[in-house]
């Protein structure tokens, strides 16, 4: 599922202007137990414009679902949800702490 979604986003042929020219990494896709919902963890290159890209992906979710249905042989095409991948920021904070520096606090404490 992750590879198929990444392939679709790589083509840059979606209609939403928020996705044109955006380089998006799909780091993970979490499927529900019944395979009817999928949450894709994504990150724009360099984190630039992340909220706008996330909103554009949500607007294009139906189109992406149809295209995934053609590429991935599942009985049902899963409903797509998108989330920003925060793991890179977390890893950077941990690395800073391990090096003895003070890491900036996240918004959630």
PDB file of N, CA and C in Angstrom:
ATOM      1  N   UNK A   1       0.827  -1.180   0.000  1.00  0.00           N
ATOM      2  CA  UNK A   1       0.000   0.000   0.000  1.00  0.00           C
ATOM      3  C   UNK A   1       0.881   1.258   0.000  1.00  0.00           C
ATOM      4  N   UNK A   2       1.927   1.230   0.829  1.00  0.00           N
ATOM      5  CA  UNK A   2       2.824   2.390   0.906  1.00  0.00           C
ATOM      6  C   UNK A   2       3.513   2.644  -0.432  1.00  0.00           C
ATOM      7  N   UNK A   3       4.000   1.590  -1.052  1.00  0.00           N
ATOM      8  CA  UNK A   3       4.694   1.743  -2.335  1.00  0.00           C
ATOM      9  C   UNK A   3       3.748   2.247  -3.420  1.00  0.00           C
ATOM     10  N   UNK A   4       2.540   1.729  -3.445  1.00  0.00           N
ATOM     11  CA  UNK A   4       1.564   2.159  -4.455  1.00  0.00           C
ATOM     12  C   UNK A   4       1.203   3.628  -4.265  1.00  0.00           C
ATOM     13  N   UNK A   5       0.988   4.053  -3.030  1.00  0.00           N
ATOM     14  CA  UNK A   5       0.662   5.453  -2.766  1.00  0.00           C
ATOM     15  C   UNK A   5       1.832   6.361  -3.136  1.00  0.00           C
ATOM     16  N   UNK A   6       3.042   5.945  -2.800  1.00  0.00           N
ATOM     17  CA  UNK A   6       4.231   6.732  -3.155  1.00  0.00           C
ATOM     18  C   UNK A   6       4.368   6.850  -4.667  1.00  0.00           C
ATOM     19  N   UNK A   7       4.071   5.784  -5.380  1.00  0.00           N
ATOM     20  CA  UNK A   7       4.141   5.812  -6.846  1.00  0.00           C
ATOM     21  C   UNK A   7       3.142   6.797  -7.427  1.00  0.00           C
ATOM     22  N   UNK A   8       1.940   6.818  -6.894  1.00  0.00           N
ATOM     23  CA  UNK A   8       0.912   7.749  -7.376  1.00  0.00           C
ATOM     24  C   UNK A   8       1.346   9.194  -7.118  1.00  0.00           C
ATOM     25  N   UNK A   9       1.860   9.470  -5.927  1.00  0.00           N
ATOM     26  CA  UNK A   9       2.281  10.825  -5.590  1.00  0.00           C
ATOM     27  C   UNK A   9       3.517  11.250  -6.377  1.00  0.00           C
ATOM     28  N   UNK A  10       4.321  10.305  -6.779  1.00  0.00           N
ATOM     29  CA  UNK A  10       5.528  10.607  -7.548  1.00  0.00           C
ATOM     30  C   UNK A  10       5.196  11.154  -8.937  1.00  0.00           C
ATOM     31  N   UNK A  11       4.066  10.738  -9.489  1.00  0.00           N
ATOM     32  CA  UNK A  11       3.686  11.157 -10.845  1.00  0.00           C
ATOM     33  C   UNK A  11       3.298  12.621 -10.938  1.00  0.00           C
ATOM     34  N   UNK A  12       2.891  13.245  -9.833  1.00  0.00           N
ATOM     35  CA  UNK A  12       2.514  14.663  -9.804  1.00  0.00           C
ATOM     36  C   UNK A  12       1.375  14.994 -10.768  1.00  0.00           C
ATOM     37  N   UNK A  13       0.445  14.091 -10.983  1.00  0.00           N
ATOM     38  CA  UNK A  13      -0.646  14.389 -11.916  1.00  0.00           C
ATOM     39  C   UNK A  13      -2.006  14.524 -11.229  1.00  0.00           C
ATOM     40  N   UNK A  14      -1.993  14.855  -9.941  1.00  0.00           N
ATOM     41  CA  UNK A  14      -3.236  15.102  -9.227  1.00  0.00           C
ATOM     42  C   UNK A  14      -3.664  16.541  -9.470  1.00  0.00           C
ATOM     43  N   UNK A  15      -4.951  16.791  -9.381  1.00  0.00           N
ATOM     44  CA  UNK A  15      -5.490  18.090  -9.741  1.00  0.00           C
ATOM     45  C   UNK A  15      -5.297  19.197  -8.726  1.00  0.00           C
ATOM     46  N   UNK A  16      -5.090  18.887  -7.473  1.00  0.00           N
ATOM     47  CA  UNK A  16      -5.013  19.909  -6.444  1.00  0.00           C
ATOM     48  C   UNK A  16      -3.727  20.720  -6.572  1.00  0.00           C
ATOM     49  N   UNK A  17      -3.865  22.031  -6.572  1.00  0.00           N
ATOM     50  CA  UNK A  17      -2.684  22.888  -6.720  1.00  0.00           C
ATOM     51  C   UNK A  17      -1.750  22.796  -5.517  1.00  0.00           C
ATOM     52  N   UNK A  18      -2.258  22.391  -4.364  1.00  0.00           N
ATOM     53  CA  UNK A  18      -1.421  22.238  -3.184  1.00  0.00           C
ATOM     54  C   UNK A  18      -0.419  21.102  -3.296  1.00  0.00           C
ATOM     55  N   UNK A  19      -0.640  20.210  -4.263  1.00  0.00           N
ATOM     56  CA  UNK A  19       0.261  19.069  -4.441  1.00  0.00           C
ATOM     57  C   UNK A  19       1.195  19.220  -5.634  1.00  0.00           C
ATOM     58  N   UNK A  20       0.954  20.204  -6.456  1.00  0.00           N
ATOM     59  CA  UNK A  20       1.797  20.378  -7.642  1.00  0.00           C
ATOM     60  C   UNK A  20       3.203  20.790  -7.244  1.00  0.00           C
ATOM     61  N   UNK A  21       4.151  20.019  -7.694  1.00  0.00           N
ATOM     62  CA  UNK A  21       5.548  20.294  -7.401  1.00  0.00           C
ATOM     63  C   UNK A  21       6.002  19.859  -6.016  1.00  0.00           C
ATOM     64  N   UNK A  22       5.085  19.339  -5.218  1.00  0.00           N
ATOM     65  CA  UNK A  22       5.454  18.909  -3.863  1.00  0.00           C
ATOM     66  C   UNK A  22       6.067  17.518  -3.916  1.00  0.00           C
ATOM     67  N   UNK A  23       7.184  17.367  -3.242  1.00  0.00           N
ATOM     68  CA  UNK A  23       7.823  16.071  -3.119  1.00  0.00           C
ATOM     69  C   UNK A  23       7.445  15.498  -1.760  1.00  0.00           C
ATOM     70  N   UNK A  24       6.661  14.416  -1.775  1.00  0.00           N
ATOM     71  CA  UNK A  24       6.079  13.882  -0.548  1.00  0.00           C
ATOM     72  C   UNK A  24       6.620  12.485  -0.291  1.00  0.00           C
ATOM     73  N   UNK A  25       7.089  12.260   0.924  1.00  0.00           N
ATOM     74  CA  UNK A  25       7.555  10.946   1.347  1.00  0.00           C
ATOM     75  C   UNK A  25       6.444  10.260   2.126  1.00  0.00           C
ATOM     76  N   UNK A  26       6.130   9.031   1.745  1.00  0.00           N
ATOM     77  CA  UNK A  26       5.165   8.219   2.479  1.00  0.00           C
ATOM     78  C   UNK A  26       5.993   7.275   3.346  1.00  0.00           C
ATOM     79  N   UNK A  27       6.034   7.548   4.645  1.00  0.00           N
ATOM     80  CA  UNK A  27       6.910   6.780   5.527  1.00  0.00           C
ATOM     81  C   UNK A  27       6.258   5.509   6.036  1.00  0.00           C
ATOM     82  N   UNK A  28       4.941   5.518   6.140  1.00  0.00           N
ATOM     83  CA  UNK A  28       4.254   4.357   6.701  1.00  0.00           C
ATOM     84  C   UNK A  28       2.777   4.435   6.332  1.00  0.00           C
ATOM     85  N   UNK A  29       2.154   3.270   6.179  1.00  0.00           N
ATOM     86  CA  UNK A  29       0.703   3.194   6.028  1.00  0.00           C
ATOM     87  C   UNK A  29       0.197   2.181   7.039  1.00  0.00           C
ATOM     88  N   UNK A  30      -0.648   2.647   7.937  1.00  0.00           N
ATOM     89  CA  UNK A  30      -1.235   1.769   8.961  1.00  0.00           C
ATOM     90  C   UNK A  30      -2.633   1.371   8.505  1.00  0.00           C
ATOM     91  N   UNK A  31      -2.869   0.068   8.452  1.00  0.00           N
ATOM     92  CA  UNK A  31      -4.165  -0.447   8.023  1.00  0.00           C
ATOM     93  C   UNK A  31      -4.967  -0.891   9.235  1.00  0.00           C
ATOM     94  N   UNK A  32      -6.285  -0.695   9.164  1.00  0.00           N
ATOM     95  CA  UNK A  32      -7.154  -1.204  10.230  1.00  0.00           C
ATOM     96  C   UNK A  32      -7.223  -2.725  10.109  1.00  0.00           C
ATOM     97  N   UNK A  33      -7.718  -3.382  11.133  1.00  0.00           N
ATOM     98  CA  UNK A  33      -7.765  -4.847  11.147  1.00  0.00           C
ATOM     99  C   UNK A  33      -8.612  -5.405  10.015  1.00  0.00           C
ATOM    100  N   UNK A  34      -9.674  -4.698   9.635  1.00  0.00           N
ATOM    101  CA  UNK A  34     -10.537  -5.177   8.554  1.00  0.00           C
ATOM    102  C   UNK A  34     -10.100  -4.663   7.180  1.00  0.00           C
ATOM    103  N   UNK A  35      -8.991  -3.945   7.114  1.00  0.00           N
ATOM    104  CA  UNK A  35      -8.400  -3.412   5.879  1.00  0.00           C
ATOM    105  C   UNK A  35      -9.298  -2.409   5.160  1.00  0.00           C
ATOM    106  N   UNK A  36     -10.220  -1.786   5.873  1.00  0.00           N
ATOM    107  CA  UNK A  36     -11.118  -0.814   5.237  1.00  0.00           C
ATOM    108  C   UNK A  36     -10.683   0.633   5.460  1.00  0.00           C
ATOM    109  N   UNK A  37      -9.736   0.862   6.366  1.00  0.00           N
ATOM    110  CA  UNK A  37      -9.209   2.197   6.606  1.00  0.00           C
ATOM    111  C   UNK A  37      -7.693   2.147   6.585  1.00  0.00           C
ATOM    112  N   UNK A  38      -7.109   3.165   6.011  1.00  0.00           N
ATOM    113  CA  UNK A  38      -5.652   3.263   5.960  1.00  0.00           C
ATOM    114  C   UNK A  38      -5.253   4.669   6.384  1.00  0.00           C
ATOM    115  N   UNK A  39      -4.277   4.749   7.280  1.00  0.00           N
ATOM    116  CA  UNK A  39      -3.722   6.037   7.679  1.00  0.00           C
ATOM    117  C   UNK A  39      -2.305   6.107   7.136  1.00  0.00           C
ATOM    118  N   UNK A  40      -2.086   7.053   6.244  1.00  0.00           N
ATOM    119  CA  UNK A  40      -0.775   7.218   5.626  1.00  0.00           C
ATOM    120  C   UNK A  40      -0.013   8.315   6.358  1.00  0.00           C
ATOM    121  N   UNK A  41       1.169   7.977   6.849  1.00  0.00           N
ATOM    122  CA  UNK A  41       2.052   8.958   7.480  1.00  0.00           C
ATOM    123  C   UNK A  41       2.927   9.548   6.387  1.00  0.00           C
ATOM    124  N   UNK A  42       2.840  10.851   6.209  1.00  0.00           N
ATOM    125  CA  UNK A  42       3.536  11.513   5.107  1.00  0.00           C
ATOM    126  C   UNK A  42       4.367  12.670   5.632  1.00  0.00           C
ATOM    127  N   UNK A  43       5.327  13.076   4.826  1.00  0.00           N
ATOM    128  CA  UNK A  43       6.168  14.214   5.163  1.00  0.00           C
ATOM    129  C   UNK A  43       6.642  14.863   3.866  1.00  0.00           C
ATOM    130  N   UNK A  44       6.324  16.153   3.674  1.00  0.00           N
ATOM    131  CA  UNK A  44       6.860  16.846   2.500  1.00  0.00           C
ATOM    132  C   UNK A  44       8.371  17.015   2.634  1.00  0.00           C
ATOM    133  N   UNK A  45       9.045  17.092   1.528  1.00  0.00           N
ATOM    134  CA  UNK A  45      10.496  17.245   1.528  1.00  0.00           C
ATOM    135  C   UNK A  45      10.897  18.469   2.341  1.00  0.00           C
ATOM    136  N   UNK A  46      11.712  18.261   3.343  1.00  0.00           N
ATOM    137  CA  UNK A  46      12.174  19.335   4.202  1.00  0.00           C
ATOM    138  C   UNK A  46      11.121  19.847   5.169  1.00  0.00           C
ATOM    139  N   UNK A  47       9.950  19.239   5.156  1.00  0.00           N
ATOM    140  CA  UNK A  47       8.878  19.685   6.046  1.00  0.00           C
ATOM    141  C   UNK A  47       8.226  20.981   5.615  1.00  0.00           C
ATOM    142  N   UNK A  48       8.597  21.491   4.444  1.00  0.00           N
ATOM    143  CA  UNK A  48       8.079  22.776   3.984  1.00  0.00           C
ATOM    144  C   UNK A  48       6.620  22.671   3.571  1.00  0.00           C
ATOM    145  N   UNK A  49       5.799  23.558   4.095  1.00  0.00           N
ATOM    146  CA  UNK A  49       4.393  23.602   3.721  1.00  0.00           C
ATOM    147  C   UNK A  49       3.599  22.385   4.143  1.00  0.00           C
ATOM    148  N   UNK A  50       3.994  21.768   5.235  1.00  0.00           N
ATOM    149  CA  UNK A  50       3.364  20.525   5.670  1.00  0.00           C
ATOM    150  C   UNK A  50       1.849  20.644   5.872  1.00  0.00           C
ATOM    151  N   UNK A  51       1.339  21.681   6.550  1.00  0.00           N
ATOM    152  CA  UNK A  51      -0.116  21.766   6.731  1.00  0.00           C
ATOM    153  C   UNK A  51      -0.878  21.897   5.410  1.00  0.00           C
ATOM    154  N   UNK A  52      -0.316  22.653   4.462  1.00  0.00           N
ATOM    155  CA  UNK A  52      -0.963  22.826   3.169  1.00  0.00           C
ATOM    156  C   UNK A  52      -0.975  21.521   2.384  1.00  0.00           C
ATOM    157  N   UNK A  53       0.129  20.793   2.429  1.00  0.00           N
ATOM    158  CA  UNK A  53       0.211  19.513   1.727  1.00  0.00           C
ATOM    159  C   UNK A  53      -0.760  18.512   2.340  1.00  0.00           C
ATOM    160  N   UNK A  54      -0.845  18.484   3.650  1.00  0.00           N
ATOM    161  CA  UNK A  54      -1.765  17.576   4.330  1.00  0.00           C
ATOM    162  C   UNK A  54      -3.215  17.891   3.951  1.00  0.00           C
ATOM    163  N   UNK A  55      -3.557  19.167   3.918  1.00  0.00           N
ATOM    164  CA  UNK A  55      -4.911  19.568   3.527  1.00  0.00           C
ATOM    165  C   UNK A  55      -5.196  19.173   2.074  1.00  0.00           C
ATOM    166  N   UNK A  56      -4.215  19.341   1.197  1.00  0.00           N
ATOM    167  CA  UNK A  56      -4.388  18.972  -0.209  1.00  0.00           C
ATOM    168  C   UNK A  56      -4.575  17.462  -0.360  1.00  0.00           C
ATOM    169  N   UNK A  57      -3.829  16.674   0.403  1.00  0.00           N
ATOM    170  CA  UNK A  57      -3.984  15.222   0.360  1.00  0.00           C
ATOM    171  C   UNK A  57      -5.381  14.815   0.826  1.00  0.00           C
ATOM    172  N   UNK A  58      -5.887  15.468   1.850  1.00  0.00           N
ATOM    173  CA  UNK A  58      -7.240  15.176   2.332  1.00  0.00           C
ATOM    174  C   UNK A  58      -8.273  15.493   1.244  1.00  0.00           C
ATOM    175  N   UNK A  59      -8.066  16.590   0.526  1.00  0.00           N
ATOM    176  CA  UNK A  59      -8.993  16.938  -0.567  1.00  0.00           C
ATOM    177  C   UNK A  59      -8.938  15.932  -1.700  1.00  0.00           C
ATOM    178  N   UNK A  60      -7.786  15.337  -1.925  1.00  0.00           N
ATOM    179  CA  UNK A  60      -7.598  14.371  -3.020  1.00  0.00           C
ATOM    180  C   UNK A  60      -7.785  12.918  -2.573  1.00  0.00           C
ATOM    181  N   UNK A  61      -8.244  12.692  -1.349  1.00  0.00           N
ATOM    182  CA  UNK A  61      -8.337  11.342  -0.790  1.00  0.00           C
ATOM    183  C   UNK A  61      -9.200  10.412  -1.647  1.00  0.00           C
ATOM    184  N   UNK A  62     -10.309  10.909  -2.174  1.00  0.00           N
ATOM    185  CA  UNK A  62     -11.185  10.060  -2.992  1.00  0.00           C
ATOM    186  C   UNK A  62     -10.486   9.627  -4.277  1.00  0.00           C
ATOM    187  N   UNK A  63      -9.826  10.555  -4.935  1.00  0.00           N
ATOM    188  CA  UNK A  63      -9.093  10.232  -6.160  1.00  0.00           C
ATOM    189  C   UNK A  63      -7.955   9.251  -5.872  1.00  0.00           C
ATOM    190  N   UNK A  64      -7.234   9.481  -4.786  1.00  0.00           N
ATOM    191  CA  UNK A  64      -6.146   8.573  -4.415  1.00  0.00           C
ATOM    192  C   UNK A  64      -6.685   7.183  -4.091  1.00  0.00           C
ATOM    193  N   UNK A  65      -7.828   7.127  -3.458  1.00  0.00           N
ATOM    194  CA  UNK A  65      -8.448   5.834  -3.133  1.00  0.00           C
ATOM    195  C   UNK A  65      -8.782   5.061  -4.410  1.00  0.00           C
ATOM    196  N   UNK A  66      -9.329   5.746  -5.396  1.00  0.00           N
ATOM    197  CA  UNK A  66      -9.656   5.071  -6.666  1.00  0.00           C
ATOM    198  C   UNK A  66      -8.393   4.562  -7.358  1.00  0.00           C
ATOM    199  N   UNK A  67      -7.361   5.370  -7.373  1.00  0.00           N
ATOM    200  CA  UNK A  67      -6.114   4.948  -8.028  1.00  0.00           C
ATOM    201  C   UNK A  67      -5.459   3.786  -7.280  1.00  0.00           C
ATOM    202  N   UNK A  68      -5.512   3.820  -5.957  1.00  0.00           N
ATOM    203  CA  UNK A  68      -4.972   2.706  -5.178  1.00  0.00           C
ATOM    204  C   UNK A  68      -5.749   1.423  -5.450  1.00  0.00           C
ATOM    205  N   UNK A  69      -7.049   1.555  -5.630  1.00  0.00           N
ATOM    206  CA  UNK A  69      -7.875   0.393  -5.926  1.00  0.00           C
ATOM    207  C   UNK A  69      -7.462  -0.309  -7.205  1.00  0.00           C
ATOM    208  N   UNK A  70      -6.946   0.461  -8.151  1.00  0.00           N
ATOM    209  CA  UNK A  70      -6.477  -0.132  -9.411  1.00  0.00           C
ATOM    210  C   UNK A  70      -5.109  -0.802  -9.264  1.00  0.00           C
ATOM    211  N   UNK A  71      -4.296  -0.309  -8.320  1.00  0.00           N
ATOM    212  CA  UNK A  71      -2.932  -0.825  -8.170  1.00  0.00           C
ATOM    213  C   UNK A  71      -2.793  -1.945  -7.144  1.00  0.00           C
ATOM    214  N   UNK A  72      -3.614  -1.904  -6.092  1.00  0.00           N
ATOM    215  CA  UNK A  72      -3.479  -2.864  -4.999  1.00  0.00           C
ATOM    216  C   UNK A  72      -4.688  -3.798  -5.002  1.00  0.00           C
ATOM    217  N   UNK A  73      -4.455  -5.095  -5.178  1.00  0.00           N
ATOM    218  CA  UNK A  73      -5.574  -6.039  -5.258  1.00  0.00           C
ATOM    219  C   UNK A  73      -6.164  -6.378  -3.880  1.00  0.00           C
ATOM    220  N   UNK A  74      -7.103  -5.559  -3.433  1.00  0.00           N
ATOM    221  CA  UNK A  74      -7.823  -5.811  -2.193  1.00  0.00           C
ATOM    222  C   UNK A  74      -9.310  -5.923  -2.513  1.00  0.00           C
ATOM    223  N   UNK A  75     -10.038  -6.589  -1.654  1.00  0.00           N
ATOM    224  CA  UNK A  75     -11.477  -6.729  -1.867  1.00  0.00           C
ATOM    225  C   UNK A  75     -12.178  -5.368  -1.813  1.00  0.00           C
ATOM    226  N   UNK A  76     -11.745  -4.522  -0.876  1.00  0.00           N
ATOM    227  CA  UNK A  76     -12.274  -3.175  -0.738  1.00  0.00           C
ATOM    228  C   UNK A  76     -11.129  -2.179  -0.810  1.00  0.00           C
ATOM    229  N   UNK A  77     -11.396  -1.063  -1.422  1.00  0.00           N
ATOM    230  CA  UNK A  77     -10.415   0.002  -1.439  1.00  0.00           C
ATOM    231  C   UNK A  77     -10.532   0.752  -0.115  1.00  0.00           C
ATOM    232  N   UNK A  78      -9.465   0.866   0.662  1.00  0.00           N
ATOM    233  CA  UNK A  78      -9.582   1.476   1.990  1.00  0.00           C
ATOM    234  C   UNK A  78      -9.827   2.988   1.931  1.00  0.00           C
ATOM    235  N   UNK A  79     -10.552   3.471   2.918  1.00  0.00           N
ATOM    236  CA  UNK A  79     -10.721   4.908   3.100  1.00  0.00           C
ATOM    237  C   UNK A  79      -9.386   5.453   3.584  1.00  0.00           C
ATOM    238  N   UNK A  80      -8.942   6.545   2.970  1.00  0.00           N
ATOM    239  CA  UNK A  80      -7.624   7.092   3.285  1.00  0.00           C
ATOM    240  C   UNK A  80      -7.703   8.260   4.251  1.00  0.00           C
ATOM    241  N   UNK A  81      -6.816   8.245   5.214  1.00  0.00           N
ATOM    242  CA  UNK A  81      -6.594   9.363   6.121  1.00  0.00           C
ATOM    243  C   UNK A  81      -5.104   9.675   6.070  1.00  0.00           C
ATOM    244  N   UNK A  82      -4.762  10.908   6.339  1.00  0.00           N
ATOM    245  CA  UNK A  82      -3.362  11.313   6.272  1.00  0.00           C
ATOM    246  C   UNK A  82      -2.933  11.960   7.579  1.00  0.00           C
ATOM    247  N   UNK A  83      -1.695  11.705   7.967  1.00  0.00           N
ATOM    248  CA  UNK A  83      -1.117  12.290   9.173  1.00  0.00           C
ATOM    249  C   UNK A  83       0.330  12.670   8.880  1.00  0.00           C
ATOM    250  N   UNK A  84       0.776  13.759   9.477  1.00  0.00           N
ATOM    251  CA  UNK A  84       2.177  14.155   9.321  1.00  0.00           C
ATOM    252  C   UNK A  84       3.050  13.252  10.180  1.00  0.00           C
ATOM    253  N   UNK A  85       4.139  12.803   9.620  1.00  0.00           N
ATOM    254  CA  UNK A  85       5.067  11.945  10.348  1.00  0.00           C
ATOM    255  C   UNK A  85       5.981  12.823  11.195  1.00  0.00           C
ATOM    256  N   UNK A  86       5.917  12.643  12.498  1.00  0.00           N
ATOM    257  CA  UNK A  86       6.699  13.440  13.437  1.00  0.00           C
ATOM    258  C   UNK A  86       7.971  12.727  13.900  1.00  0.00           C
ATOM    259  N   UNK A  87       8.222  11.530  13.398  1.00  0.00           N
ATOM    260  CA  UNK A  87       9.354  10.742  13.895  1.00  0.00           C
ATOM    261  C   UNK A  87      10.706  11.406  13.664  1.00  0.00           C
ATOM    262  N   UNK A  88      10.865  12.123  12.564  1.00  0.00           N
ATOM    263  CA  UNK A  88      12.155  12.751  12.283  1.00  0.00           C
ATOM    264  C   UNK A  88      12.442  13.867  13.286  1.00  0.00           C
ATOM    265  N   UNK A  89      11.426  14.642  13.642  1.00  0.00           N
ATOM    266  CA  UNK A  89      11.595  15.685  14.649  1.00  0.00           C
ATOM    267  C   UNK A  89      11.922  15.077  16.006  1.00  0.00           C
ATOM    268  N   UNK A  90      11.242  13.997  16.351  1.00  0.00           N
ATOM    269  CA  UNK A  90      11.491  13.328  17.620  1.00  0.00           C
ATOM    270  C   UNK A  90      12.910  12.756  17.673  1.00  0.00           C
ATOM    271  N   UNK A  91      13.345  12.168  16.576  1.00  0.00           N
ATOM    272  CA  UNK A  91      14.694  11.601  16.526  1.00  0.00           C
ATOM    273  C   UNK A  91      15.748  12.696  16.679  1.00  0.00           C
ATOM    274  N   UNK A  92      15.500  13.850  16.097  1.00  0.00           N
ATOM    275  CA  UNK A  92      16.444  14.960  16.210  1.00  0.00           C
ATOM    276  C   UNK A  92      16.527  15.460  17.656  1.00  0.00           C
ATOM    277  N   UNK A  93      15.388  15.549  18.340  1.00  0.00           N
ATOM    278  CA  UNK A  93      15.397  15.964  19.746  1.00  0.00           C
ATOM    279  C   UNK A  93      16.150  14.959  20.611  1.00  0.00           C
ATOM    280  N   UNK A  94      15.942  13.679  20.368  1.00  0.00           N
ATOM    281  CA  UNK A  94      16.627  12.646  21.141  1.00  0.00           C
ATOM    282  C   UNK A  94      18.132  12.700  20.900  1.00  0.00           C
ATOM    283  N   UNK A  95      18.515  12.895  19.638  1.00  0.00           N
ATOM    284  CA  UNK A  95      19.942  12.977  19.326  1.00  0.00           C
ATOM    285  C   UNK A  95      20.590  14.173  20.018  1.00  0.00           C
ATOM    286  N   UNK A  96      19.910  15.295  20.044  1.00  0.00           N
ATOM    287  CA  UNK A  96      20.430  16.483  20.723  1.00  0.00           C
ATOM    288  C   UNK A  96      20.599  16.224  22.212  1.00  0.00           C
ATOM    289  N   UNK A  97      19.626  15.572  22.819  1.00  0.00           N
ATOM    290  CA  UNK A  97      19.713  15.244  24.238  1.00  0.00           C
ATOM    291  C   UNK A  97      20.865  14.290  24.528  1.00  0.00           C
ATOM    292  N   UNK A  98      21.059  13.310  23.664  1.00  0.00           N
ATOM    293  CA  UNK A  98      22.131  12.345  23.866  1.00  0.00           C
ATOM    294  C   UNK A  98      23.510  12.981  23.727  1.00  0.00           C
ATOM    295  N   UNK A  99      23.590  14.015  22.926  1.00  0.00           N
ATOM    296  CA  UNK A  99      24.869  14.715  22.763  1.00  0.00           C
ATOM    297  C   UNK A  99      25.122  15.702  23.895  1.00  0.00           C
ATOM    298  N   UNK A 100      24.190  15.813  24.803  1.00  0.00           N
ATOM    299  CA  UNK A 100      24.388  16.668  25.962  1.00  0.00           C
ATOM    300  C   UNK A 100      23.842  18.064  25.812  1.00  0.00           C
ATOM    301  N   UNK A 101      23.226  18.359  24.701  1.00  0.00           N
ATOM    302  CA  UNK A 101      22.648  19.684  24.503  1.00  0.00           C
ATOM    303  C   UNK A 101      21.236  19.721  25.051  1.00  0.00           C
ATOM    304  N   UNK A 102      20.649  20.875  24.951  1.00  0.00           N
ATOM    305  CA  UNK A 102      19.261  21.017  25.379  1.00  0.00           C
ATOM    306  C   UNK A 102      18.395  21.025  24.134  1.00  0.00           C
ATOM    307  N   UNK A 103      17.447  20.117  24.108  1.00  0.00           N
ATOM    308  CA  UNK A 103      16.547  20.020  22.973  1.00  0.00           C
ATOM    309  C   UNK A 103      15.359  20.953  23.176  1.00  0.00           C
ATOM    310  N   UNK A 104      14.892  21.583  22.112  1.00  0.00           N
ATOM    311  CA  UNK A 104      13.691  22.400  22.254  1.00  0.00           C
ATOM    312  C   UNK A 104      12.504  21.514  22.593  1.00  0.00           C
ATOM    313  N   UNK A 105      11.636  22.003  23.445  1.00  0.00           N
ATOM    314  CA  UNK A 105      10.465  21.226  23.855  1.00  0.00           C
ATOM    315  C   UNK A 105       9.435  21.226  22.758  1.00  0.00           C
ATOM    316  N   UNK A 106       8.750  20.118  22.629  1.00  0.00           N
ATOM    317  CA  UNK A 106       7.664  20.030  21.654  1.00  0.00           C
ATOM    318  C   UNK A 106       6.438  20.714  22.221  1.00  0.00           C
ATOM    319  N   UNK A 107       5.451  20.957  21.368  1.00  0.00           N
ATOM    320  CA  UNK A 107       4.222  21.617  21.793  1.00  0.00           C
ATOM    321  C   UNK A 107       3.445  20.795  22.806  1.00  0.00           C
ATOM    322  N   UNK A 108       3.560  19.469  22.720  1.00  0.00           N
ATOM    323  CA  UNK A 108       2.791  18.603  23.607  1.00  0.00           C
ATOM    324  C   UNK A 108       3.547  18.259  24.894  1.00  0.00           C
ATOM    325  N   UNK A 109       4.668  18.898  25.147  1.00  0.00           N
ATOM    326  CA  UNK A 109       5.398  18.724  26.392  1.00  0.00           C
ATOM    327  C   UNK A 109       6.354  17.596  26.331  1.00  0.00           C
TER     328      UNK A 109
END
